[in-house]
């Protein structure tokens, strides 16, 4: 089965007891991701930055 990239929703700290990488991206098969996608814990597209995260990152202006 082929794997797709899924994005971890904000506030989620583990998927299937696995820690989330810093990139907040996971490569999973559709079957592996199905349950967490249905719960909104995994997203199929990159989440947009929330209004509260508009703070500048060090080194950016």
Protein backbone atom coordinates (compact mmCIF):
# COMPACT_ATOMS: atom_id res chain seq x y z
CA UNK A 1 0.00 0.00 0.00
CA UNK A 2 1.17 3.49 -0.71
CA UNK A 3 1.71 6.01 2.05
CA UNK A 4 0.48 9.58 2.06
CA UNK A 5 1.52 12.58 4.12
CA UNK A 6 -0.86 13.59 6.89
CA UNK A 7 -0.61 16.65 9.11
CA UNK A 8 -1.20 16.44 12.85
CA UNK A 9 -3.89 18.81 14.14
CA UNK A 10 -3.03 21.42 16.76
CA UNK A 11 -3.24 20.14 20.32
CA UNK A 12 -2.61 16.49 19.40
CA UNK A 13 0.48 15.08 21.12
CA UNK A 14 0.32 11.42 20.04
CA UNK A 15 -1.19 9.30 17.29
CA UNK A 16 -1.59 5.59 18.06
CA UNK A 17 0.73 6.03 21.05
CA UNK A 18 3.49 7.40 18.79
CA UNK A 19 5.08 10.76 19.53
CA UNK A 20 4.59 13.44 16.93
CA UNK A 21 7.71 14.64 15.07
CA UNK A 22 8.61 18.35 15.12
CA UNK A 23 7.49 18.68 11.51
CA UNK A 24 3.97 17.54 12.60
CA UNK A 25 3.86 15.39 9.45
CA UNK A 26 3.38 11.63 9.33
CA UNK A 27 3.60 9.19 6.40
CA UNK A 28 0.84 6.61 6.80
CA UNK A 29 -1.32 4.36 4.68
CA UNK A 30 -4.96 5.31 4.32
CA UNK A 31 -5.92 2.42 6.60
CA UNK A 32 -3.48 3.51 9.32
CA UNK A 33 -4.77 7.09 9.22
CA UNK A 34 -8.51 6.46 8.76
CA UNK A 35 -9.55 6.51 12.43
CA UNK A 36 -7.54 9.61 13.37
CA UNK A 37 -8.70 11.46 10.23
CA UNK A 38 -12.34 10.71 11.17
CA UNK A 39 -11.69 12.21 14.64
CA UNK A 40 -9.99 15.32 13.20
CA UNK A 41 -6.65 14.43 14.77
CA UNK A 42 -4.95 14.06 11.36
CA UNK A 43 -5.49 16.38 8.41
CA UNK A 44 -5.06 15.58 4.74
CA UNK A 45 -3.88 19.10 3.90
CA UNK A 46 -1.48 21.45 5.63
CA UNK A 47 -3.32 23.47 8.31
CA UNK A 48 -3.41 27.23 7.88
CA UNK A 49 -1.68 29.28 10.57
CA UNK A 50 -4.13 30.47 13.20
CA UNK A 51 -4.60 34.18 13.89
CA UNK A 52 -2.94 33.76 17.30
CA UNK A 53 0.25 32.42 15.75
CA UNK A 54 1.05 35.59 13.81
CA UNK A 55 3.99 36.35 16.11
CA UNK A 56 7.23 36.81 14.25
CA UNK A 57 9.76 34.01 14.39
CA UNK A 58 13.25 34.90 15.52
CA UNK A 59 15.21 36.12 12.51
CA UNK A 60 12.08 37.08 10.55
CA UNK A 61 10.77 40.60 10.26
